[in-house]
Every structure is written in C-alpha cells, then in structure tokens.
Amino acid sequence: MNVILAVFRSRTQTRIFAEAMREHGAVCSVIQTPPEARIGCGISARFYSTDKPRAERVIRQYRLTSFNGFYETMRITGRTTVRKIR
C-alpha cells in the first residue's frame, strides 16, 4: 500500500488534519517531513493512498489554508525521493 504525505506550512493545521483524518476513520500519523522534501513546517501527516479522497474532503471541510500539497516518498537503493502529486 502506498503512503502519502500531506504537507502544511502550519504545524497546528498539520495536527488538525491528522486528528480529523483519524476521526473520519483513516489511519493517519504526524511525522517529521523528510529532509529531502525541503518544504513545509517540518512535520507532515502520513496516510495511505486509499484515503486520498478523504484527505481532500478534510482539507476543504476544515478550510486548511496552509496546505502545501500531497507528496509521495519512495526509497530507491537506500535514498529517499520525494515527489509532489495531485
């Protein structure tokens, strides 16, 4: 199962998002943003790709204006790569 990061410019909104995702039945946790991303406030919300439509609804419903985008992380031969998806 693929993992997606929701990246925000606000730590508070990252936590609001993660809590709302859990309240809506998704598995979601707050993690340190991978340094390779060089984006956001330093923490991100991690969830499974199957919950992406739910994540989009949460962002709209809670009006999370500091949302910076969804990112996919992959480990290739020991290196982490991060790419924006949408």
PDB file of N, CA and C in Angstrom:
ATOM      1  N   MET A   1       0.844  -1.179   0.000  1.00  0.00           N
ATOM      2  CA  MET A   1       0.000   0.000   0.000  1.00  0.00           C
ATOM      3  C   MET A   1       0.891   1.245   0.000  1.00  0.00           C
ATOM      4  N   ASN A   2       0.596   2.184  -0.876  1.00  0.00           N
ATOM      5  CA  ASN A   2       1.391   3.402  -0.973  1.00  0.00           C
ATOM      6  C   ASN A   2       1.047   4.373   0.148  1.00  0.00           C
ATOM      7  N   VAL A   3       2.048   5.156   0.517  1.00  0.00           N
ATOM      8  CA  VAL A   3       1.892   6.143   1.582  1.00  0.00           C
ATOM      9  C   VAL A   3       2.014   7.531   0.984  1.00  0.00           C
ATOM     10  N   ILE A   4       1.190   8.447   1.466  1.00  0.00           N
ATOM     11  CA  ILE A   4       1.197   9.835   1.008  1.00  0.00           C
ATOM     12  C   ILE A   4       1.433  10.738   2.208  1.00  0.00           C
ATOM     13  N   LEU A   5       2.140  11.833   1.970  1.00  0.00           N
ATOM     14  CA  LEU A   5       2.319  12.861   2.991  1.00  0.00           C
ATOM     15  C   LEU A   5       1.476  14.071   2.611  1.00  0.00           C
ATOM     16  N   ALA A   6       0.763  14.615   3.572  1.00  0.00           N
ATOM     17  CA  ALA A   6       0.085  15.900   3.406  1.00  0.00           C
ATOM     18  C   ALA A   6       0.975  16.919   4.098  1.00  0.00           C
ATOM     19  N   VAL A   7       1.447  17.880   3.334  1.00  0.00           N
ATOM     20  CA  VAL A   7       2.396  18.861   3.853  1.00  0.00           C
ATOM     21  C   VAL A   7       1.702  20.209   4.016  1.00  0.00           C
ATOM     22  N   PHE A   8       1.919  20.810   5.176  1.00  0.00           N
ATOM     23  CA  PHE A   8       1.323  22.105   5.511  1.00  0.00           C
ATOM     24  C   PHE A   8       2.425  23.077   5.918  1.00  0.00           C
ATOM     25  N   ARG A   9       2.143  24.363   5.822  1.00  0.00           N
ATOM     26  CA  ARG A   9       3.077  25.381   6.292  1.00  0.00           C
ATOM     27  C   ARG A   9       2.854  25.692   7.768  1.00  0.00           C
ATOM     28  N   SER A  10       1.836  25.085   8.367  1.00  0.00           N
ATOM     29  CA  SER A  10       1.490  25.335   9.762  1.00  0.00           C
ATOM     30  C   SER A  10       1.481  24.024  10.538  1.00  0.00           C
ATOM     31  N   ARG A  11       2.210  23.988  11.644  1.00  0.00           N
ATOM     32  CA  ARG A  11       2.214  22.796  12.493  1.00  0.00           C
ATOM     33  C   ARG A  11       0.820  22.552  13.081  1.00  0.00           C
ATOM     34  N   THR A  12       0.134  23.621  13.460  1.00  0.00           N
ATOM     35  CA  THR A  12      -1.203  23.492  14.029  1.00  0.00           C
ATOM     36  C   THR A  12      -2.150  22.850  13.020  1.00  0.00           C
ATOM     37  N   GLN A  13      -2.123  23.312  11.782  1.00  0.00           N
ATOM     38  CA  GLN A  13      -3.022  22.744  10.781  1.00  0.00           C
ATOM     39  C   GLN A  13      -2.642  21.309  10.432  1.00  0.00           C
ATOM     40  N   THR A  14      -1.377  20.961  10.531  1.00  0.00           N
ATOM     41  CA  THR A  14      -0.965  19.565  10.320  1.00  0.00           C
ATOM     42  C   THR A  14      -1.627  18.680  11.360  1.00  0.00           C
ATOM     43  N   ARG A  15      -1.599  19.121  12.599  1.00  0.00           N
ATOM     44  CA  ARG A  15      -2.209  18.336  13.686  1.00  0.00           C
ATOM     45  C   ARG A  15      -3.734  18.281  13.563  1.00  0.00           C
ATOM     46  N   ILE A  16      -4.345  19.385  13.167  1.00  0.00           N
ATOM     47  CA  ILE A  16      -5.798  19.400  12.954  1.00  0.00           C
ATOM     48  C   ILE A  16      -6.174  18.398  11.868  1.00  0.00           C
ATOM     49  N   PHE A  17      -5.423  18.409  10.779  1.00  0.00           N
ATOM     50  CA  PHE A  17      -5.677  17.490   9.672  1.00  0.00           C
ATOM     51  C   PHE A  17      -5.567  16.037  10.132  1.00  0.00           C
ATOM     52  N   ALA A  18      -4.489  15.700  10.827  1.00  0.00           N
ATOM     53  CA  ALA A  18      -4.270  14.317  11.269  1.00  0.00           C
ATOM     54  C   ALA A  18      -5.392  13.864  12.203  1.00  0.00           C
ATOM     55  N   GLU A  19      -5.786  14.711  13.114  1.00  0.00           N
ATOM     56  CA  GLU A  19      -6.865  14.362  14.041  1.00  0.00           C
ATOM     57  C   GLU A  19      -8.186  14.179  13.296  1.00  0.00           C
ATOM     58  N   ALA A  20      -8.475  15.064  12.357  1.00  0.00           N
ATOM     59  CA  ALA A  20      -9.715  14.956  11.580  1.00  0.00           C
ATOM     60  C   ALA A  20      -9.717  13.679  10.743  1.00  0.00           C
ATOM     61  N   MET A  21      -8.582  13.331  10.172  1.00  0.00           N
ATOM     62  CA  MET A  21      -8.492  12.090   9.388  1.00  0.00           C
ATOM     63  C   MET A  21      -8.790  10.887  10.277  1.00  0.00           C
ATOM     64  N   ARG A  22      -8.226  10.864  11.473  1.00  0.00           N
ATOM     65  CA  ARG A  22      -8.482   9.750  12.397  1.00  0.00           C
ATOM     66  C   ARG A  22      -9.952   9.704  12.801  1.00  0.00           C
ATOM     67  N   GLU A  23     -10.547  10.873  13.038  1.00  0.00           N
ATOM     68  CA  GLU A  23     -11.972  10.933  13.397  1.00  0.00           C
ATOM     69  C   GLU A  23     -12.858  10.400  12.268  1.00  0.00           C
ATOM     70  N   HIS A  24     -12.382  10.540  11.029  1.00  0.00           N
ATOM     71  CA  HIS A  24     -13.126  10.053   9.864  1.00  0.00           C
ATOM     72  C   HIS A  24     -12.730   8.622   9.489  1.00  0.00           C
ATOM     73  N   GLY A  25     -11.997   7.937  10.355  1.00  0.00           N
ATOM     74  CA  GLY A  25     -11.708   6.519  10.171  1.00  0.00           C
ATOM     75  C   GLY A  25     -10.436   6.162   9.434  1.00  0.00           C
ATOM     76  N   ALA A  26      -9.599   7.131   9.125  1.00  0.00           N
ATOM     77  CA  ALA A  26      -8.350   6.848   8.414  1.00  0.00           C
ATOM     78  C   ALA A  26      -7.216   6.608   9.399  1.00  0.00           C
ATOM     79  N   VAL A  27      -6.249   5.824   8.972  1.00  0.00           N
ATOM     80  CA  VAL A  27      -5.013   5.663   9.727  1.00  0.00           C
ATOM     81  C   VAL A  27      -4.123   6.828   9.311  1.00  0.00           C
ATOM     82  N   CYS A  28      -3.776   7.681  10.262  1.00  0.00           N
ATOM     83  CA  CYS A  28      -3.007   8.883   9.953  1.00  0.00           C
ATOM     84  C   CYS A  28      -2.123   9.225  11.138  1.00  0.00           C
ATOM     85  N   SER A  29      -0.884   9.602  10.850  1.00  0.00           N
ATOM     86  CA  SER A  29       0.031   9.972  11.925  1.00  0.00           C
ATOM     87  C   SER A  29       0.819  11.212  11.525  1.00  0.00           C
ATOM     88  N   VAL A  30       1.337  11.892  12.521  1.00  0.00           N
ATOM     89  CA  VAL A  30       2.172  13.066  12.295  1.00  0.00           C
ATOM     90  C   VAL A  30       3.624  12.598  12.369  1.00  0.00           C
ATOM     91  N   ILE A  31       4.394  12.933  11.336  1.00  0.00           N
ATOM     92  CA  ILE A  31       5.802  12.526  11.262  1.00  0.00           C
ATOM     93  C   ILE A  31       6.657  13.727  10.895  1.00  0.00           C
ATOM     94  N   GLN A  32       7.963  13.578  11.055  1.00  0.00           N
ATOM     95  CA  GLN A  32       8.875  14.611  10.564  1.00  0.00           C
ATOM     96  C   GLN A  32       8.892  14.546   9.048  1.00  0.00           C
ATOM     97  N   THR A  33       8.810  15.702   8.416  1.00  0.00           N
ATOM     98  CA  THR A  33       8.895  15.745   6.963  1.00  0.00           C
ATOM     99  C   THR A  33      10.297  15.308   6.548  1.00  0.00           C
ATOM    100  N   PRO A  34      10.401  14.415   5.573  1.00  0.00           N
ATOM    101  CA  PRO A  34      11.739  14.002   5.128  1.00  0.00           C
ATOM    102  C   PRO A  34      12.557  15.212   4.689  1.00  0.00           C
ATOM    103  N   PRO A  35      13.811  15.287   5.100  1.00  0.00           N
ATOM    104  CA  PRO A  35      14.623  16.452   4.739  1.00  0.00           C
ATOM    105  C   PRO A  35      14.771  16.635   3.228  1.00  0.00           C
ATOM    106  N   GLU A  36      14.617  15.556   2.472  1.00  0.00           N
ATOM    107  CA  GLU A  36      14.717  15.652   1.012  1.00  0.00           C
ATOM    108  C   GLU A  36      13.611  16.517   0.427  1.00  0.00           C
ATOM    109  N   ALA A  37      12.515  16.653   1.151  1.00  0.00           N
ATOM    110  CA  ALA A  37      11.384  17.428   0.646  1.00  0.00           C
ATOM    111  C   ALA A  37      11.665  18.925   0.665  1.00  0.00           C
ATOM    112  N   ARG A  38      12.360  19.397   1.698  1.00  0.00           N
ATOM    113  CA  ARG A  38      12.681  20.827   1.845  1.00  0.00           C
ATOM    114  C   ARG A  38      11.444  21.708   1.711  1.00  0.00           C
ATOM    115  N   ILE A  39      10.376  21.293   2.364  1.00  0.00           N
ATOM    116  CA  ILE A  39       9.106  22.014   2.276  1.00  0.00           C
ATOM    117  C   ILE A  39       8.395  21.996   3.618  1.00  0.00           C
ATOM    118  N   GLY A  40       7.447  22.879   3.764  1.00  0.00           N
ATOM    119  CA  GLY A  40       6.551  22.851   4.903  1.00  0.00           C
ATOM    120  C   GLY A  40       7.155  23.332   6.202  1.00  0.00           C
ATOM    121  N   CYS A  41       6.504  22.918   7.287  1.00  0.00           N
ATOM    122  CA  CYS A  41       6.848  23.408   8.625  1.00  0.00           C
ATOM    123  C   CYS A  41       7.716  22.432   9.407  1.00  0.00           C
ATOM    124  N   GLY A  42       8.088  21.320   8.795  1.00  0.00           N
ATOM    125  CA  GLY A  42       8.946  20.351   9.471  1.00  0.00           C
ATOM    126  C   GLY A  42       8.235  19.081   9.885  1.00  0.00           C
ATOM    127  N   ILE A  43       6.893  19.131   9.960  1.00  0.00           N
ATOM    128  CA  ILE A  43       6.136  17.918  10.220  1.00  0.00           C
ATOM    129  C   ILE A  43       5.071  17.760   9.136  1.00  0.00           C
ATOM    130  N   SER A  44       4.691  16.516   8.889  1.00  0.00           N
ATOM    131  CA  SER A  44       3.685  16.206   7.876  1.00  0.00           C
ATOM    132  C   SER A  44       2.732  15.161   8.431  1.00  0.00           C
ATOM    133  N   ALA A  45       1.610  15.008   7.767  1.00  0.00           N
ATOM    134  CA  ALA A  45       0.666  13.944   8.112  1.00  0.00           C
ATOM    135  C   ALA A  45       0.847  12.821   7.106  1.00  0.00           C
ATOM    136  N   ARG A  46       0.969  11.607   7.625  1.00  0.00           N
ATOM    137  CA  ARG A  46       1.210  10.425   6.796  1.00  0.00           C
ATOM    138  C   ARG A  46      -0.053   9.566   6.803  1.00  0.00           C
ATOM    139  N   PHE A  47      -0.490   9.157   5.595  1.00  0.00           N
ATOM    140  CA  PHE A  47      -1.679   8.305   5.485  1.00  0.00           C
ATOM    141  C   PHE A  47      -1.566   7.453   4.227  1.00  0.00           C
ATOM    142  N   TYR A  48      -2.434   6.454   4.113  1.00  0.00           N
ATOM    143  CA  TYR A  48      -2.412   5.556   2.960  1.00  0.00           C
ATOM    144  C   TYR A  48      -3.086   6.193   1.752  1.00  0.00           C
ATOM    145  N   SER A  49      -2.588   5.860   0.571  1.00  0.00           N
ATOM    146  CA  SER A  49      -3.091   6.457  -0.664  1.00  0.00           C
ATOM    147  C   SER A  49      -4.577   6.188  -0.877  1.00  0.00           C
ATOM    148  N   THR A  50      -5.096   5.104  -0.329  1.00  0.00           N
ATOM    149  CA  THR A  50      -6.525   4.813  -0.473  1.00  0.00           C
ATOM    150  C   THR A  50      -7.393   5.861   0.214  1.00  0.00           C
ATOM    151  N   ASP A  51      -6.821   6.620   1.139  1.00  0.00           N
ATOM    152  CA  ASP A  51      -7.567   7.654   1.864  1.00  0.00           C
ATOM    153  C   ASP A  51      -7.387   9.050   1.262  1.00  0.00           C
ATOM    154  N   LYS A  52      -6.797   9.154   0.088  1.00  0.00           N
ATOM    155  CA  LYS A  52      -6.565  10.473  -0.509  1.00  0.00           C
ATOM    156  C   LYS A  52      -7.872  11.238  -0.754  1.00  0.00           C
ATOM    157  N   PRO A  53      -8.937  10.613  -1.282  1.00  0.00           N
ATOM    158  CA  PRO A  53     -10.189  11.364  -1.446  1.00  0.00           C
ATOM    159  C   PRO A  53     -10.716  11.900  -0.102  1.00  0.00           C
ATOM    160  N   ARG A  54     -10.579  11.111   0.939  1.00  0.00           N
ATOM    161  CA  ARG A  54     -10.989  11.543   2.288  1.00  0.00           C
ATOM    162  C   ARG A  54     -10.143  12.731   2.724  1.00  0.00           C
ATOM    163  N   ALA A  55      -8.851  12.676   2.457  1.00  0.00           N
ATOM    164  CA  ALA A  55      -7.940  13.763   2.827  1.00  0.00           C
ATOM    165  C   ALA A  55      -8.328  15.059   2.116  1.00  0.00           C
ATOM    166  N   GLU A  56      -8.673  14.963   0.849  1.00  0.00           N
ATOM    167  CA  GLU A  56      -9.084  16.155   0.104  1.00  0.00           C
ATOM    168  C   GLU A  56     -10.354  16.764   0.703  1.00  0.00           C
ATOM    169  N   ARG A  57     -11.287  15.903   1.120  1.00  0.00           N
ATOM    170  CA  ARG A  57     -12.518  16.408   1.750  1.00  0.00           C
ATOM    171  C   ARG A  57     -12.222  17.090   3.077  1.00  0.00           C
ATOM    172  N   VAL A  58     -11.324  16.506   3.870  1.00  0.00           N
ATOM    173  CA  VAL A  58     -10.967  17.093   5.168  1.00  0.00           C
ATOM    174  C   VAL A  58     -10.339  18.475   4.968  1.00  0.00           C
ATOM    175  N   ILE A  59      -9.464  18.606   4.003  1.00  0.00           N
ATOM    176  CA  ILE A  59      -8.803  19.891   3.742  1.00  0.00           C
ATOM    177  C   ILE A  59      -9.838  20.952   3.377  1.00  0.00           C
ATOM    178  N   ARG A  60     -10.805  20.585   2.532  1.00  0.00           N
ATOM    179  CA  ARG A  60     -11.868  21.538   2.157  1.00  0.00           C
ATOM    180  C   ARG A  60     -12.783  21.844   3.345  1.00  0.00           C
ATOM    181  N   GLN A  61     -13.219  20.798   4.036  1.00  0.00           N
ATOM    182  CA  GLN A  61     -14.175  20.960   5.131  1.00  0.00           C
ATOM    183  C   GLN A  61     -13.620  21.826   6.259  1.00  0.00           C
ATOM    184  N   TYR A  62     -12.341  21.630   6.598  1.00  0.00           N
ATOM    185  CA  TYR A  62     -11.730  22.368   7.711  1.00  0.00           C
ATOM    186  C   TYR A  62     -11.043  23.660   7.247  1.00  0.00           C
ATOM    187  N   ARG A  63     -11.102  23.930   5.945  1.00  0.00           N
ATOM    188  CA  ARG A  63     -10.508  25.140   5.365  1.00  0.00           C
ATOM    189  C   ARG A  63      -9.046  25.308   5.808  1.00  0.00           C
ATOM    190  N   LEU A  64      -8.261  24.283   5.546  1.00  0.00           N
ATOM    191  CA  LEU A  64      -6.853  24.274   5.950  1.00  0.00           C
ATOM    192  C   LEU A  64      -6.025  25.021   4.902  1.00  0.00           C
ATOM    193  N   THR A  65      -5.903  26.313   5.103  1.00  0.00           N
ATOM    194  CA  THR A  65      -5.306  27.208   4.106  1.00  0.00           C
ATOM    195  C   THR A  65      -3.795  27.089   3.993  1.00  0.00           C
ATOM    196  N   SER A  66      -3.145  26.450   4.959  1.00  0.00           N
ATOM    197  CA  SER A  66      -1.690  26.328   4.869  1.00  0.00           C
ATOM    198  C   SER A  66      -1.264  25.050   4.148  1.00  0.00           C
ATOM    199  N   PHE A  67      -2.235  24.327   3.572  1.00  0.00           N
ATOM    200  CA  PHE A  67      -1.930  23.092   2.838  1.00  0.00           C
ATOM    201  C   PHE A  67      -0.991  23.398   1.678  1.00  0.00           C
ATOM    202  N   ASN A  68       0.100  22.617   1.592  1.00  0.00           N
ATOM    203  CA  ASN A  68       1.131  22.841   0.570  1.00  0.00           C
ATOM    204  C   ASN A  68       1.112  21.768  -0.507  1.00  0.00           C
ATOM    205  N   GLY A  69       0.412  20.672  -0.292  1.00  0.00           N
ATOM    206  CA  GLY A  69       0.308  19.643  -1.315  1.00  0.00           C
ATOM    207  C   GLY A  69       0.500  18.242  -0.763  1.00  0.00           C
ATOM    208  N   PHE A  70       0.202  17.282  -1.651  1.00  0.00           N
ATOM    209  CA  PHE A  70       0.419  15.882  -1.334  1.00  0.00           C
ATOM    210  C   PHE A  70       1.732  15.442  -1.953  1.00  0.00           C
ATOM    211  N   TYR A  71       2.468  14.623  -1.218  1.00  0.00           N
ATOM    212  CA  TYR A  71       3.764  14.151  -1.678  1.00  0.00           C
ATOM    213  C   TYR A  71       3.875  12.654  -1.472  1.00  0.00           C
ATOM    214  N   GLU A  72       4.549  12.014  -2.389  1.00  0.00           N
ATOM    215  CA  GLU A  72       4.815  10.586  -2.300  1.00  0.00           C
ATOM    216  C   GLU A  72       6.305  10.408  -2.016  1.00  0.00           C
ATOM    217  N   THR A  73       6.621   9.544  -1.096  1.00  0.00           N
ATOM    218  CA  THR A  73       8.022   9.263  -0.801  1.00  0.00           C
ATOM    219  C   THR A  73       8.344   7.843  -1.232  1.00  0.00           C
ATOM    220  N   MET A  74       9.534   7.661  -1.751  1.00  0.00           N
ATOM    221  CA  MET A  74       9.987   6.340  -2.172  1.00  0.00           C
ATOM    222  C   MET A  74      11.447   6.174  -1.780  1.00  0.00           C
ATOM    223  N   ARG A  75      11.797   4.961  -1.366  1.00  0.00           N
ATOM    224  CA  ARG A  75      13.196   4.629  -1.077  1.00  0.00           C
ATOM    225  C   ARG A  75      13.716   3.826  -2.260  1.00  0.00           C
ATOM    226  N   ILE A  76      14.728   4.361  -2.918  1.00  0.00           N
ATOM    227  CA  ILE A  76      15.333   3.689  -4.060  1.00  0.00           C
ATOM    228  C   ILE A  76      16.819   3.544  -3.771  1.00  0.00           C
ATOM    229  N   THR A  77      17.262   2.305  -3.710  1.00  0.00           N
ATOM    230  CA  THR A  77      18.664   1.968  -3.398  1.00  0.00           C
ATOM    231  C   THR A  77      19.195   2.785  -2.231  1.00  0.00           C
ATOM    232  N   GLY A  78      18.428   2.816  -1.150  1.00  0.00           N
ATOM    233  CA  GLY A  78      18.874   3.475   0.068  1.00  0.00           C
ATOM    234  C   GLY A  78      18.685   4.978   0.121  1.00  0.00           C
ATOM    235  N   ARG A  79      18.178   5.583  -0.938  1.00  0.00           N
ATOM    236  CA  ARG A  79      17.950   7.034  -0.966  1.00  0.00           C
ATOM    237  C   ARG A  79      16.459   7.323  -0.988  1.00  0.00           C
ATOM    238  N   THR A  80      16.066   8.346  -0.262  1.00  0.00           N
ATOM    239  CA  THR A  80      14.666   8.750  -0.232  1.00  0.00           C
ATOM    240  C   THR A  80      14.433   9.811  -1.300  1.00  0.00           C
ATOM    241  N   THR A  81      13.395   9.591  -2.098  1.00  0.00           N
ATOM    242  CA  THR A  81      12.996  10.605  -3.070  1.00  0.00           C
ATOM    243  C   THR A  81      11.589  11.056  -2.718  1.00  0.00           C
ATOM    244  N   VAL A  82      11.312  12.312  -2.976  1.00  0.00           N
ATOM    245  CA  VAL A  82      10.009  12.894  -2.666  1.00  0.00           C
ATOM    246  C   VAL A  82       9.520  13.590  -3.924  1.00  0.00           C
ATOM    247  N   ARG A  83       8.264  13.292  -4.284  1.00  0.00           N
ATOM    248  CA  ARG A  83       7.711  13.994  -5.452  1.00  0.00           C
ATOM    249  C   ARG A  83       6.290  14.416  -5.155  1.00  0.00           C
ATOM    250  N   LYS A  84       5.957  15.584  -5.664  1.00  0.00           N
ATOM    251  CA  LYS A  84       4.623  16.151  -5.450  1.00  0.00           C
ATOM    252  C   LYS A  84       3.632  15.434  -6.354  1.00  0.00           C
ATOM    253  N   ILE A  85       2.461  15.151  -5.812  1.00  0.00           N
ATOM    254  CA  ILE A  85       1.385  14.550  -6.594  1.00  0.00           C
ATOM    255  C   ILE A  85       0.132  15.401  -6.428  1.00  0.00           C
ATOM    256  N   ARG A  86      -0.792  15.261  -7.328  1.00  0.00           N
ATOM    257  CA  ARG A  86      -2.074  15.965  -7.179  1.00  0.00           C
ATOM    258  C   ARG A  86      -3.026  15.554  -8.233  1.00  0.00           C
TER     259      ARG A  86
END
